[in-house]
Amino acid sequence: MQKSDGSDWDYNANEVGLGVQTPLWAGLMLNVNGSYYRFNYQNVNSFSCCPNDPNDRQSLGNLQPNDTQERADDRYTVSVALSRDVGPYLTFSAGFLHISNLSNLVFFDYHRNIVTLAVSGRY
């Protein structure tokens, strides 16, 4: 896919994912998903032009001189969710999502955990 043609965020990416859903006991449904994304950015980030220049208001300030290269990220995601229908119109669910973004530019490395609790209705 191609996003934001010509900008700092212009990239080509590939994604591979796998998900499994299975019923458990007492009406519980289990969902397990995982994915891998590879992002190849097409341009050097313009905010990384001059990280050692204190007068450079465009710089992110945390990049190093060797960070003036095209960015490449590997993003891994894993999620687990449990859900249960309560009657014909209501569902309760709980989930956990972990994201690890590994970049060749350390500034863009991050790990994130997200927990969700939800009640959804339908008519």
PDB file of N, CA and C in Angstrom:
ATOM      1  N   MET A   1       0.839  -1.178   0.000  1.00  0.00           N
ATOM      2  CA  MET A   1       0.000   0.000   0.000  1.00  0.00           C
ATOM      3  C   MET A   1       0.878   1.232   0.000  1.00  0.00           C
ATOM      4  N   GLN A   2       0.368   2.340  -0.477  1.00  0.00           N
ATOM      5  CA  GLN A   2       1.100   3.602  -0.525  1.00  0.00           C
ATOM      6  C   GLN A   2       0.308   4.629   0.267  1.00  0.00           C
ATOM      7  N   LYS A   3       0.958   5.313   1.185  1.00  0.00           N
ATOM      8  CA  LYS A   3       0.292   6.318   2.012  1.00  0.00           C
ATOM      9  C   LYS A   3       1.028   7.643   1.930  1.00  0.00           C
ATOM     10  N   SER A   4       0.297   8.748   1.931  1.00  0.00           N
ATOM     11  CA  SER A   4       0.854  10.103   2.045  1.00  0.00           C
ATOM     12  C   SER A   4       1.972  10.357   1.033  1.00  0.00           C
ATOM     13  N   ASP A   5       1.698  10.170  -0.214  1.00  0.00           N
ATOM     14  CA  ASP A   5       2.680  10.289  -1.282  1.00  0.00           C
ATOM     15  C   ASP A   5       3.469  11.590  -1.199  1.00  0.00           C
ATOM     16  N   GLY A   6       4.822  11.471  -1.144  1.00  0.00           N
ATOM     17  CA  GLY A   6       5.707  12.633  -1.165  1.00  0.00           C
ATOM     18  C   GLY A   6       6.002  13.271   0.173  1.00  0.00           C
ATOM     19  N   SER A   7       5.397  12.829   1.258  1.00  0.00           N
ATOM     20  CA  SER A   7       5.607  13.461   2.562  1.00  0.00           C
ATOM     21  C   SER A   7       6.590  12.655   3.413  1.00  0.00           C
ATOM     22  N   ASP A   8       6.858  13.156   4.630  1.00  0.00           N
ATOM     23  CA  ASP A   8       7.701  12.416   5.583  1.00  0.00           C
ATOM     24  C   ASP A   8       7.143  11.025   5.845  1.00  0.00           C
ATOM     25  N   TRP A   9       5.835  10.897   5.769  1.00  0.00           N
ATOM     26  CA  TRP A   9       5.173   9.647   6.153  1.00  0.00           C
ATOM     27  C   TRP A   9       4.852   8.776   4.946  1.00  0.00           C
ATOM     28  N   ASP A  10       5.442   9.064   3.800  1.00  0.00           N
ATOM     29  CA  ASP A  10       5.251   8.265   2.596  1.00  0.00           C
ATOM     30  C   ASP A  10       5.964   6.927   2.787  1.00  0.00           C
ATOM     31  N   TYR A  11       5.227   5.837   2.689  1.00  0.00           N
ATOM     32  CA  TYR A  11       5.829   4.528   2.895  1.00  0.00           C
ATOM     33  C   TYR A  11       5.171   3.468   2.026  1.00  0.00           C
ATOM     34  N   ASN A  12       5.898   2.381   1.859  1.00  0.00           N
ATOM     35  CA  ASN A  12       5.358   1.152   1.305  1.00  0.00           C
ATOM     36  C   ASN A  12       5.322   0.171   2.454  1.00  0.00           C
ATOM     37  N   ALA A  13       4.271  -0.633   2.528  1.00  0.00           N
ATOM     38  CA  ALA A  13       4.151  -1.547   3.668  1.00  0.00           C
ATOM     39  C   ALA A  13       3.559  -2.875   3.228  1.00  0.00           C
ATOM     40  N   ASN A  14       3.883  -3.883   3.985  1.00  0.00           N
ATOM     41  CA  ASN A  14       3.312  -5.210   3.822  1.00  0.00           C
ATOM     42  C   ASN A  14       2.825  -5.685   5.172  1.00  0.00           C
ATOM     43  N   GLU A  15       1.745  -6.461   5.177  1.00  0.00           N
ATOM     44  CA  GLU A  15       1.173  -6.967   6.420  1.00  0.00           C
ATOM     45  C   GLU A  15       0.834  -8.442   6.263  1.00  0.00           C
ATOM     46  N   VAL A  16       1.128  -9.176   7.323  1.00  0.00           N
ATOM     47  CA  VAL A  16       0.719 -10.572   7.414  1.00  0.00           C
ATOM     48  C   VAL A  16       0.014 -10.725   8.751  1.00  0.00           C
ATOM     49  N   GLY A  17      -1.153 -11.338   8.750  1.00  0.00           N
ATOM     50  CA  GLY A  17      -1.898 -11.494   9.995  1.00  0.00           C
ATOM     51  C   GLY A  17      -2.576 -12.846  10.071  1.00  0.00           C
ATOM     52  N   LEU A  18      -2.870 -13.255  11.285  1.00  0.00           N
ATOM     53  CA  LEU A  18      -3.562 -14.514  11.522  1.00  0.00           C
ATOM     54  C   LEU A  18      -4.486 -14.331  12.713  1.00  0.00           C
ATOM     55  N   GLY A  19      -5.703 -14.797  12.597  1.00  0.00           N
ATOM     56  CA  GLY A  19      -6.657 -14.708  13.696  1.00  0.00           C
ATOM     57  C   GLY A  19      -7.423 -16.007  13.849  1.00  0.00           C
ATOM     58  N   VAL A  20      -7.767 -16.319  15.089  1.00  0.00           N
ATOM     59  CA  VAL A  20      -8.526 -17.528  15.400  1.00  0.00           C
ATOM     60  C   VAL A  20      -9.651 -17.151  16.346  1.00  0.00           C
ATOM     61  N   GLN A  21     -10.839 -17.662  16.070  1.00  0.00           N
ATOM     62  CA  GLN A  21     -11.981 -17.463  16.963  1.00  0.00           C
ATOM     63  C   GLN A  21     -12.557 -18.835  17.279  1.00  0.00           C
ATOM     64  N   THR A  22     -12.813 -19.066  18.569  1.00  0.00           N
ATOM     65  CA  THR A  22     -13.366 -20.360  18.971  1.00  0.00           C
ATOM     66  C   THR A  22     -14.292 -20.185  20.170  1.00  0.00           C
ATOM     67  N   PRO A  23     -15.377 -20.951  20.201  1.00  0.00           N
ATOM     68  CA  PRO A  23     -16.236 -20.898  21.388  1.00  0.00           C
ATOM     69  C   PRO A  23     -15.596 -21.666  22.540  1.00  0.00           C
ATOM     70  N   LEU A  24     -15.832 -21.183  23.744  1.00  0.00           N
ATOM     71  CA  LEU A  24     -15.380 -21.878  24.952  1.00  0.00           C
ATOM     72  C   LEU A  24     -16.608 -22.416  25.669  1.00  0.00           C
ATOM     73  N   TRP A  25     -16.611 -22.425  26.965  1.00  0.00           N
ATOM     74  CA  TRP A  25     -17.743 -22.892  27.754  1.00  0.00           C
ATOM     75  C   TRP A  25     -18.597 -21.707  28.186  1.00  0.00           C
ATOM     76  N   ALA A  26     -19.791 -21.960  28.616  1.00  0.00           N
ATOM     77  CA  ALA A  26     -20.721 -20.966  29.175  1.00  0.00           C
ATOM     78  C   ALA A  26     -20.973 -19.772  28.243  1.00  0.00           C
ATOM     79  N   GLY A  27     -20.939 -20.009  26.945  1.00  0.00           N
ATOM     80  CA  GLY A  27     -21.236 -18.943  25.994  1.00  0.00           C
ATOM     81  C   GLY A  27     -20.101 -17.977  25.716  1.00  0.00           C
ATOM     82  N   LEU A  28     -18.909 -18.236  26.257  1.00  0.00           N
ATOM     83  CA  LEU A  28     -17.758 -17.358  26.003  1.00  0.00           C
ATOM     84  C   LEU A  28     -17.166 -17.631  24.622  1.00  0.00           C
ATOM     85  N   MET A  29     -16.725 -16.559  23.971  1.00  0.00           N
ATOM     86  CA  MET A  29     -16.053 -16.660  22.673  1.00  0.00           C
ATOM     87  C   MET A  29     -14.645 -16.105  22.841  1.00  0.00           C
ATOM     88  N   LEU A  30     -13.644 -16.846  22.368  1.00  0.00           N
ATOM     89  CA  LEU A  30     -12.246 -16.432  22.455  1.00  0.00           C
ATOM     90  C   LEU A  30     -11.752 -16.021  21.071  1.00  0.00           C
ATOM     91  N   ASN A  31     -11.122 -14.854  20.994  1.00  0.00           N
ATOM     92  CA  ASN A  31     -10.475 -14.371  19.770  1.00  0.00           C
ATOM     93  C   ASN A  31      -9.003 -14.141  20.060  1.00  0.00           C
ATOM     94  N   VAL A  32      -8.136 -14.711  19.230  1.00  0.00           N
ATOM     95  CA  VAL A  32      -6.698 -14.504  19.330  1.00  0.00           C
ATOM     96  C   VAL A  32      -6.219 -14.063  17.949  1.00  0.00           C
ATOM     97  N   ASN A  33      -5.503 -12.933  17.899  1.00  0.00           N
ATOM     98  CA  ASN A  33      -5.032 -12.383  16.628  1.00  0.00           C
ATOM     99  C   ASN A  33      -3.580 -11.946  16.757  1.00  0.00           C
ATOM    100  N   GLY A  34      -2.869 -12.018  15.661  1.00  0.00           N
ATOM    101  CA  GLY A  34      -1.501 -11.527  15.603  1.00  0.00           C
ATOM    102  C   GLY A  34      -1.220 -10.987  14.219  1.00  0.00           C
ATOM    103  N   SER A  35      -0.303 -10.032  14.134  1.00  0.00           N
ATOM    104  CA  SER A  35       0.062  -9.495  12.828  1.00  0.00           C
ATOM    105  C   SER A  35       1.492  -8.976  12.846  1.00  0.00           C
ATOM    106  N   TYR A  36       2.041  -8.894  11.656  1.00  0.00           N
ATOM    107  CA  TYR A  36       3.364  -8.322  11.441  1.00  0.00           C
ATOM    108  C   TYR A  36       3.246  -7.334  10.282  1.00  0.00           C
ATOM    109  N   TYR A  37       3.721  -6.107  10.506  1.00  0.00           N
ATOM    110  CA  TYR A  37       3.748  -5.086   9.467  1.00  0.00           C
ATOM    111  C   TYR A  37       5.200  -4.707   9.214  1.00  0.00           C
ATOM    112  N   ARG A  38       5.540  -4.489   7.973  1.00  0.00           N
ATOM    113  CA  ARG A  38       6.848  -3.942   7.619  1.00  0.00           C
ATOM    114  C   ARG A  38       6.596  -2.625   6.900  1.00  0.00           C
ATOM    115  N   PHE A  39       7.097  -1.522   7.461  1.00  0.00           N
ATOM    116  CA  PHE A  39       6.954  -0.197   6.874  1.00  0.00           C
ATOM    117  C   PHE A  39       8.316   0.243   6.338  1.00  0.00           C
ATOM    118  N   ASN A  40       8.386   0.553   5.060  1.00  0.00           N
ATOM    119  CA  ASN A  40       9.596   1.103   4.449  1.00  0.00           C
ATOM    120  C   ASN A  40       9.284   2.540   4.032  1.00  0.00           C
ATOM    121  N   TYR A  41       9.762   3.492   4.820  1.00  0.00           N
ATOM    122  CA  TYR A  41       9.509   4.897   4.524  1.00  0.00           C
ATOM    123  C   TYR A  41      10.377   5.325   3.345  1.00  0.00           C
ATOM    124  N   GLN A  42       9.839   6.177   2.504  1.00  0.00           N
ATOM    125  CA  GLN A  42      10.488   6.548   1.252  1.00  0.00           C
ATOM    126  C   GLN A  42      11.395   7.765   1.362  1.00  0.00           C
ATOM    127  N   ASN A  43      11.264   8.550   2.433  1.00  0.00           N
ATOM    128  CA  ASN A  43      12.021   9.790   2.569  1.00  0.00           C
ATOM    129  C   ASN A  43      12.637   9.889   3.958  1.00  0.00           C
ATOM    130  N   VAL A  44      13.721  10.638   4.058  1.00  0.00           N
ATOM    131  CA  VAL A  44      14.293  10.960   5.364  1.00  0.00           C
ATOM    132  C   VAL A  44      13.339  11.930   6.038  1.00  0.00           C
ATOM    133  N   ASN A  45      13.049  11.721   7.327  1.00  0.00           N
ATOM    134  CA  ASN A  45      12.126  12.584   8.053  1.00  0.00           C
ATOM    135  C   ASN A  45      12.694  13.996   8.122  1.00  0.00           C
ATOM    136  N   SER A  46      11.953  14.990   7.652  1.00  0.00           N
ATOM    137  CA  SER A  46      12.452  16.367   7.615  1.00  0.00           C
ATOM    138  C   SER A  46      12.695  16.943   9.005  1.00  0.00           C
ATOM    139  N   PHE A  47      12.055  16.378  10.045  1.00  0.00           N
ATOM    140  CA  PHE A  47      12.270  16.857  11.412  1.00  0.00           C
ATOM    141  C   PHE A  47      13.627  16.435  11.954  1.00  0.00           C
ATOM    142  N   SER A  48      14.314  15.529  11.282  1.00  0.00           N
ATOM    143  CA  SER A  48      15.601  15.057  11.790  1.00  0.00           C
ATOM    144  C   SER A  48      16.779  15.762  11.134  1.00  0.00           C
ATOM    145  N   CYS A  49      16.525  16.892  10.469  1.00  0.00           N
ATOM    146  CA  CYS A  49      17.592  17.518   9.684  1.00  0.00           C
ATOM    147  C   CYS A  49      18.757  18.009  10.523  1.00  0.00           C
ATOM    148  N   CYS A  50      18.499  18.571  11.685  1.00  0.00           N
ATOM    149  CA  CYS A  50      19.598  19.227  12.405  1.00  0.00           C
ATOM    150  C   CYS A  50      19.444  19.030  13.912  1.00  0.00           C
ATOM    151  N   PRO A  51      19.554  17.830  14.408  1.00  0.00           N
ATOM    152  CA  PRO A  51      19.270  17.597  15.826  1.00  0.00           C
ATOM    153  C   PRO A  51      20.233  18.262  16.793  1.00  0.00           C
ATOM    154  N   ASN A  52      21.410  18.694  16.349  1.00  0.00           N
ATOM    155  CA  ASN A  52      22.370  19.324  17.256  1.00  0.00           C
ATOM    156  C   ASN A  52      22.349  20.843  17.177  1.00  0.00           C
ATOM    157  N   ASP A  53      21.459  21.401  16.382  1.00  0.00           N
ATOM    158  CA  ASP A  53      21.360  22.846  16.236  1.00  0.00           C
ATOM    159  C   ASP A  53      20.244  23.367  17.147  1.00  0.00           C
ATOM    160  N   PRO A  54      20.564  24.082  18.264  1.00  0.00           N
ATOM    161  CA  PRO A  54      19.531  24.539  19.193  1.00  0.00           C
ATOM    162  C   PRO A  54      18.570  25.550  18.572  1.00  0.00           C
ATOM    163  N   ASN A  55      18.955  26.175  17.443  1.00  0.00           N
ATOM    164  CA  ASN A  55      18.083  27.146  16.784  1.00  0.00           C
ATOM    165  C   ASN A  55      17.141  26.488  15.781  1.00  0.00           C
ATOM    166  N   ASP A  56      17.299  25.195  15.588  1.00  0.00           N
ATOM    167  CA  ASP A  56      16.463  24.476  14.630  1.00  0.00           C
ATOM    168  C   ASP A  56      15.137  24.121  15.291  1.00  0.00           C
ATOM    169  N   ARG A  57      14.109  24.869  14.993  1.00  0.00           N
ATOM    170  CA  ARG A  57      12.794  24.643  15.604  1.00  0.00           C
ATOM    171  C   ARG A  57      12.046  23.490  14.951  1.00  0.00           C
ATOM    172  N   GLN A  58      12.534  23.003  13.823  1.00  0.00           N
ATOM    173  CA  GLN A  58      11.876  21.890  13.141  1.00  0.00           C
ATOM    174  C   GLN A  58      12.316  20.532  13.688  1.00  0.00           C
ATOM    175  N   SER A  59      13.466  20.469  14.333  1.00  0.00           N
ATOM    176  CA  SER A  59      14.001  19.187  14.783  1.00  0.00           C
ATOM    177  C   SER A  59      13.201  18.636  15.949  1.00  0.00           C
ATOM    178  N   LEU A  60      13.082  17.320  15.995  1.00  0.00           N
ATOM    179  CA  LEU A  60      12.422  16.665  17.130  1.00  0.00           C
ATOM    180  C   LEU A  60      13.288  16.747  18.381  1.00  0.00           C
ATOM    181  N   GLY A  61      14.577  16.975  18.213  1.00  0.00           N
ATOM    182  CA  GLY A  61      15.467  17.174  19.347  1.00  0.00           C
ATOM    183  C   GLY A  61      15.990  15.902  19.975  1.00  0.00           C
ATOM    184  N   ASN A  62      15.377  14.769  19.714  1.00  0.00           N
ATOM    185  CA  ASN A  62      15.818  13.512  20.311  1.00  0.00           C
ATOM    186  C   ASN A  62      16.532  12.615  19.318  1.00  0.00           C
ATOM    187  N   LEU A  63      16.581  13.020  18.064  1.00  0.00           N
ATOM    188  CA  LEU A  63      17.246  12.226  17.050  1.00  0.00           C
ATOM    189  C   LEU A  63      18.744  12.476  17.098  1.00  0.00           C
ATOM    190  N   GLN A  64      19.501  11.495  16.697  1.00  0.00           N
ATOM    191  CA  GLN A  64      20.958  11.584  16.667  1.00  0.00           C
ATOM    192  C   GLN A  64      21.406  11.904  15.241  1.00  0.00           C
ATOM    193  N   PRO A  65      22.656  12.396  15.066  1.00  0.00           N
ATOM    194  CA  PRO A  65      23.116  12.733  13.708  1.00  0.00           C
ATOM    195  C   PRO A  65      23.002  11.562  12.723  1.00  0.00           C
ATOM    196  N   ASN A  66      23.215  10.319  13.202  1.00  0.00           N
ATOM    197  CA  ASN A  66      23.113   9.170  12.295  1.00  0.00           C
ATOM    198  C   ASN A  66      21.666   8.762  12.027  1.00  0.00           C
ATOM    199  N   ASP A  67      20.687   9.504  12.571  1.00  0.00           N
ATOM    200  CA  ASP A  67      19.274   9.201  12.329  1.00  0.00           C
ATOM    201  C   ASP A  67      18.754   9.834  11.041  1.00  0.00           C
ATOM    202  N   THR A  68      19.627  10.496  10.296  1.00  0.00           N
ATOM    203  CA  THR A  68      19.194  11.113   9.042  1.00  0.00           C
ATOM    204  C   THR A  68      19.244  10.067   7.929  1.00  0.00           C
ATOM    205  N   GLN A  69      18.437   9.040   8.084  1.00  0.00           N
ATOM    206  CA  GLN A  69      18.317   7.977   7.093  1.00  0.00           C
ATOM    207  C   GLN A  69      16.845   7.651   6.922  1.00  0.00           C
ATOM    208  N   GLU A  70      16.529   6.939   5.871  1.00  0.00           N
ATOM    209  CA  GLU A  70      15.138   6.547   5.661  1.00  0.00           C
ATOM    210  C   GLU A  70      14.739   5.566   6.755  1.00  0.00           C
ATOM    211  N   ARG A  71      13.582   5.778   7.289  1.00  0.00           N
ATOM    212  CA  ARG A  71      13.072   4.981   8.397  1.00  0.00           C
ATOM    213  C   ARG A  71      12.504   3.653   7.901  1.00  0.00           C
ATOM    214  N   ALA A  72      12.727   2.580   8.666  1.00  0.00           N
ATOM    215  CA  ALA A  72      12.138   1.267   8.391  1.00  0.00           C
ATOM    216  C   ALA A  72      11.654   0.703   9.716  1.00  0.00           C
ATOM    217  N   ASP A  73      10.383   0.347   9.794  1.00  0.00           N
ATOM    218  CA  ASP A  73       9.787  -0.148  11.041  1.00  0.00           C
ATOM    219  C   ASP A  73       9.251  -1.563  10.862  1.00  0.00           C
ATOM    220  N   ASP A  74       9.392  -2.348  11.907  1.00  0.00           N
ATOM    221  CA  ASP A  74       8.738  -3.657  12.020  1.00  0.00           C
ATOM    222  C   ASP A  74       7.771  -3.547  13.181  1.00  0.00           C
ATOM    223  N   ARG A  75       6.492  -3.760  12.921  1.00  0.00           N
ATOM    224  CA  ARG A  75       5.481  -3.649  13.981  1.00  0.00           C
ATOM    225  C   ARG A  75       4.813  -5.004  14.175  1.00  0.00           C
ATOM    226  N   TYR A  76       4.826  -5.457  15.431  1.00  0.00           N
ATOM    227  CA  TYR A  76       4.204  -6.729  15.810  1.00  0.00           C
ATOM    228  C   TYR A  76       3.008  -6.431  16.713  1.00  0.00           C
ATOM    229  N   THR A  77       1.895  -7.083  16.471  1.00  0.00           N
ATOM    230  CA  THR A  77       0.731  -6.935  17.348  1.00  0.00           C
ATOM    231  C   THR A  77       0.206  -8.310  17.730  1.00  0.00           C
ATOM    232  N   VAL A  78      -0.255  -8.410  18.969  1.00  0.00           N
ATOM    233  CA  VAL A  78      -0.894  -9.628  19.480  1.00  0.00           C
ATOM    234  C   VAL A  78      -2.092  -9.185  20.297  1.00  0.00           C
ATOM    235  N   SER A  79      -3.231  -9.814  20.069  1.00  0.00           N
ATOM    236  CA  SER A  79      -4.413  -9.466  20.865  1.00  0.00           C
ATOM    237  C   SER A  79      -5.171 -10.720  21.272  1.00  0.00           C
ATOM    238  N   VAL A  80      -5.797 -10.608  22.437  1.00  0.00           N
ATOM    239  CA  VAL A  80      -6.643 -11.667  22.983  1.00  0.00           C
ATOM    240  C   VAL A  80      -7.916 -11.001  23.479  1.00  0.00           C
ATOM    241  N   ALA A  81      -9.060 -11.588  23.141  1.00  0.00           N
ATOM    242  CA  ALA A  81     -10.331 -11.019  23.596  1.00  0.00           C
ATOM    243  C   ALA A  81     -11.299 -12.136  23.965  1.00  0.00           C
ATOM    244  N   LEU A  82     -12.068 -11.879  25.010  1.00  0.00           N
ATOM    245  CA  LEU A  82     -13.162 -12.759  25.424  1.00  0.00           C
ATOM    246  C   LEU A  82     -14.458 -11.980  25.293  1.00  0.00           C
ATOM    247  N   SER A  83     -15.480 -12.626  24.762  1.00  0.00           N
ATOM    248  CA  SER A  83     -16.774 -11.958  24.668  1.00  0.00           C
ATOM    249  C   SER A  83     -17.879 -12.952  25.000  1.00  0.00           C
ATOM    250  N   ARG A  84     -19.005 -12.387  25.425  1.00  0.00           N
ATOM    251  CA  ARG A  84     -20.158 -13.221  25.767  1.00  0.00           C
ATOM    252  C   ARG A  84     -21.429 -12.450  25.451  1.00  0.00           C
ATOM    253  N   ASP A  85     -22.302 -13.090  24.682  1.00  0.00           N
ATOM    254  CA  ASP A  85     -23.616 -12.505  24.417  1.00  0.00           C
ATOM    255  C   ASP A  85     -24.494 -12.688  25.648  1.00  0.00           C
ATOM    256  N   VAL A  86     -25.198 -11.624  26.004  1.00  0.00           N
ATOM    257  CA  VAL A  86     -26.137 -11.653  27.121  1.00  0.00           C
ATOM    258  C   VAL A  86     -27.501 -11.320  26.512  1.00  0.00           C
ATOM    259  N   GLY A  87     -28.230 -12.321  26.180  1.00  0.00           N
ATOM    260  CA  GLY A  87     -29.491 -12.108  25.475  1.00  0.00           C
ATOM    261  C   GLY A  87     -29.226 -11.838  24.006  1.00  0.00           C
ATOM    262  N   PRO A  88     -30.263 -11.574  23.239  1.00  0.00           N
ATOM    263  CA  PRO A  88     -30.099 -11.400  21.794  1.00  0.00           C
ATOM    264  C   PRO A  88     -29.554 -10.025  21.387  1.00  0.00           C
ATOM    265  N   TYR A  89     -29.503  -9.063  22.317  1.00  0.00           N
ATOM    266  CA  TYR A  89     -29.165  -7.690  21.936  1.00  0.00           C
ATOM    267  C   TYR A  89     -27.943  -7.098  22.632  1.00  0.00           C
ATOM    268  N   LEU A  90     -27.275  -7.828  23.510  1.00  0.00           N
ATOM    269  CA  LEU A  90     -26.216  -7.250  24.328  1.00  0.00           C
ATOM    270  C   LEU A  90     -25.002  -8.183  24.370  1.00  0.00           C
ATOM    271  N   THR A  91     -23.796  -7.596  24.266  1.00  0.00           N
ATOM    272  CA  THR A  91     -22.552  -8.356  24.351  1.00  0.00           C
ATOM    273  C   THR A  91     -21.587  -7.649  25.300  1.00  0.00           C
ATOM    274  N   PHE A  92     -20.969  -8.409  26.177  1.00  0.00           N
ATOM    275  CA  PHE A  92     -19.889  -7.921  27.043  1.00  0.00           C
ATOM    276  C   PHE A  92     -18.587  -8.478  26.489  1.00  0.00           C
ATOM    277  N   SER A  93     -17.526  -7.659  26.499  1.00  0.00           N
ATOM    278  CA  SER A  93     -16.237  -8.151  26.020  1.00  0.00           C
ATOM    279  C   SER A  93     -15.094  -7.502  26.799  1.00  0.00           C
ATOM    280  N   ALA A  94     -13.981  -8.223  26.840  1.00  0.00           N
ATOM    281  CA  ALA A  94     -12.746  -7.743  27.462  1.00  0.00           C
ATOM    282  C   ALA A  94     -11.601  -8.158  26.554  1.00  0.00           C
ATOM    283  N   GLY A  95     -10.637  -7.265  26.399  1.00  0.00           N
ATOM    284  CA  GLY A  95      -9.533  -7.579  25.500  1.00  0.00           C
ATOM    285  C   GLY A  95      -8.218  -6.988  25.950  1.00  0.00           C
ATOM    286  N   PHE A  96      -7.160  -7.543  25.393  1.00  0.00           N
ATOM    287  CA  PHE A  96      -5.800  -7.073  25.642  1.00  0.00           C
ATOM    288  C   PHE A  96      -5.079  -7.022  24.299  1.00  0.00           C
ATOM    289  N   LEU A  97      -4.385  -5.912  24.029  1.00  0.00           N
ATOM    290  CA  LEU A  97      -3.622  -5.739  22.797  1.00  0.00           C
ATOM    291  C   LEU A  97      -2.217  -5.290  23.155  1.00  0.00           C
ATOM    292  N   HIS A  98      -1.216  -5.956  22.585  1.00  0.00           N
ATOM    293  CA  HIS A  98       0.178  -5.542  22.757  1.00  0.00           C
ATOM    294  C   HIS A  98       0.729  -5.168  21.380  1.00  0.00           C
ATOM    295  N   ILE A  99       1.397  -4.004  21.312  1.00  0.00           N
ATOM    296  CA  ILE A  99       2.021  -3.529  20.079  1.00  0.00           C
ATOM    297  C   ILE A  99       3.494  -3.256  20.369  1.00  0.00           C
ATOM    298  N   SER A 100       4.370  -3.798  19.539  1.00  0.00           N
ATOM    299  CA  SER A 100       5.798  -3.483  19.597  1.00  0.00           C
ATOM    300  C   SER A 100       6.190  -2.921  18.246  1.00  0.00           C
ATOM    301  N   ASN A 101       6.680  -1.693  18.229  1.00  0.00           N
ATOM    302  CA  ASN A 101       7.158  -1.070  16.994  1.00  0.00           C
ATOM    303  C   ASN A 101       8.671  -0.956  17.105  1.00  0.00           C
ATOM    304  N   LEU A 102       9.382  -1.661  16.258  1.00  0.00           N
ATOM    305  CA  LEU A 102      10.843  -1.660  16.257  1.00  0.00           C
ATOM    306  C   LEU A 102      11.308  -0.932  15.001  1.00  0.00           C
ATOM    307  N   SER A 103      12.068   0.146  15.195  1.00  0.00           N
ATOM    308  CA  SER A 103      12.490   0.987  14.080  1.00  0.00           C
ATOM    309  C   SER A 103      14.006   1.044  14.003  1.00  0.00           C
ATOM    310  N   ASN A 104      14.524   1.298  12.803  1.00  0.00           N
ATOM    311  CA  ASN A 104      15.965   1.527  12.687  1.00  0.00           C
ATOM    312  C   ASN A 104      16.354   2.887  13.257  1.00  0.00           C
ATOM    313  N   LEU A 105      15.366   3.765  13.543  1.00  0.00           N
ATOM    314  CA  LEU A 105      15.590   5.025  14.241  1.00  0.00           C
ATOM    315  C   LEU A 105      15.029   4.857  15.648  1.00  0.00           C
ATOM    316  N   VAL A 106      15.890   4.835  16.632  1.00  0.00           N
ATOM    317  CA  VAL A 106      15.500   4.519  18.006  1.00  0.00           C
ATOM    318  C   VAL A 106      14.374   5.419  18.507  1.00  0.00           C
ATOM    319  N   PHE A 107      14.318   6.660  18.043  1.00  0.00           N
ATOM    320  CA  PHE A 107      13.281   7.590  18.473  1.00  0.00           C
ATOM    321  C   PHE A 107      11.879   7.032  18.231  1.00  0.00           C
ATOM    322  N   PHE A 108      11.709   6.200  17.201  1.00  0.00           N
ATOM    323  CA  PHE A 108      10.401   5.684  16.828  1.00  0.00           C
ATOM    324  C   PHE A 108      10.113   4.290  17.392  1.00  0.00           C
ATOM    325  N   ASP A 109      10.985   3.764  18.242  1.00  0.00           N
ATOM    326  CA  ASP A 109      10.723   2.487  18.929  1.00  0.00           C
ATOM    327  C   ASP A 109       9.696   2.717  20.026  1.00  0.00           C
ATOM    328  N   TYR A 110       8.727   1.834  20.140  1.00  0.00           N
ATOM    329  CA  TYR A 110       7.803   1.913  21.266  1.00  0.00           C
ATOM    330  C   TYR A 110       7.113   0.576  21.494  1.00  0.00           C
ATOM    331  N   HIS A 111       6.620   0.418  22.703  1.00  0.00           N
ATOM    332  CA  HIS A 111       5.819  -0.735  23.103  1.00  0.00           C
ATOM    333  C   HIS A 111       4.567  -0.185  23.764  1.00  0.00           C
ATOM    334  N   ARG A 112       3.434  -0.778  23.467  1.00  0.00           N
ATOM    335  CA  ARG A 112       2.170  -0.276  24.009  1.00  0.00           C
ATOM    336  C   ARG A 112       1.294  -1.462  24.378  1.00  0.00           C
ATOM    337  N   ASN A 113       0.633  -1.346  25.529  1.00  0.00           N
ATOM    338  CA  ASN A 113      -0.364  -2.330  25.962  1.00  0.00           C
ATOM    339  C   ASN A 113      -1.696  -1.610  26.128  1.00  0.00           C
ATOM    340  N   ILE A 114      -2.739  -2.180  25.566  1.00  0.00           N
ATOM    341  CA  ILE A 114      -4.061  -1.574  25.639  1.00  0.00           C
ATOM    342  C   ILE A 114      -5.049  -2.615  26.161  1.00  0.00           C
ATOM    343  N   VAL A 115      -5.777  -2.253  27.208  1.00  0.00           N
ATOM    344  CA  VAL A 115      -6.808  -3.125  27.784  1.00  0.00           C
ATOM    345  C   VAL A 115      -8.159  -2.485  27.488  1.00  0.00           C
ATOM    346  N   THR A 116      -9.107  -3.292  27.045  1.00  0.00           N
ATOM    347  CA  THR A 116     -10.447  -2.771  26.752  1.00  0.00           C
ATOM    348  C   THR A 116     -11.514  -3.580  27.475  1.00  0.00           C
ATOM    349  N   LEU A 117     -12.529  -2.880  27.921  1.00  0.00           N
ATOM    350  CA  LEU A 117     -13.759  -3.476  28.443  1.00  0.00           C
ATOM    351  C   LEU A 117     -14.885  -2.810  27.677  1.00  0.00           C
ATOM    352  N   ALA A 118     -15.811  -3.596  27.163  1.00  0.00           N
ATOM    353  CA  ALA A 118     -16.853  -3.004  26.337  1.00  0.00           C
ATOM    354  C   ALA A 118     -18.200  -3.681  26.547  1.00  0.00           C
ATOM    355  N   VAL A 119     -19.225  -2.881  26.391  1.00  0.00           N
ATOM    356  CA  VAL A 119     -20.604  -3.358  26.355  1.00  0.00           C
ATOM    357  C   VAL A 119     -21.160  -2.856  25.045  1.00  0.00           C
ATOM    358  N   SER A 120     -21.657  -3.748  24.222  1.00  0.00           N
ATOM    359  CA  SER A 120     -22.233  -3.319  22.941  1.00  0.00           C
ATOM    360  C   SER A 120     -23.656  -3.847  22.802  1.00  0.00           C
ATOM    361  N   GLY A 121     -24.460  -3.045  22.198  1.00  0.00           N
ATOM    362  CA  GLY A 121     -25.858  -3.415  21.965  1.00  0.00           C
ATOM    363  C   GLY A 121     -26.175  -3.368  20.488  1.00  0.00           C
ATOM    364  N   ARG A 122     -27.171  -4.109  20.097  1.00  0.00           N
ATOM    365  CA  ARG A 122     -27.605  -4.133  18.703  1.00  0.00           C
ATOM    366  C   ARG A 122     -29.116  -4.238  18.641  1.00  0.00           C
ATOM    367  N   TYR A 123     -29.671  -3.789  17.587  1.00  0.00           N
ATOM    368  CA  TYR A 123     -31.117  -3.863  17.445  1.00  0.00           C
ATOM    369  C   TYR A 123     -31.483  -4.338  16.053  1.00  0.00           C
TER     370      TYR A 123
END
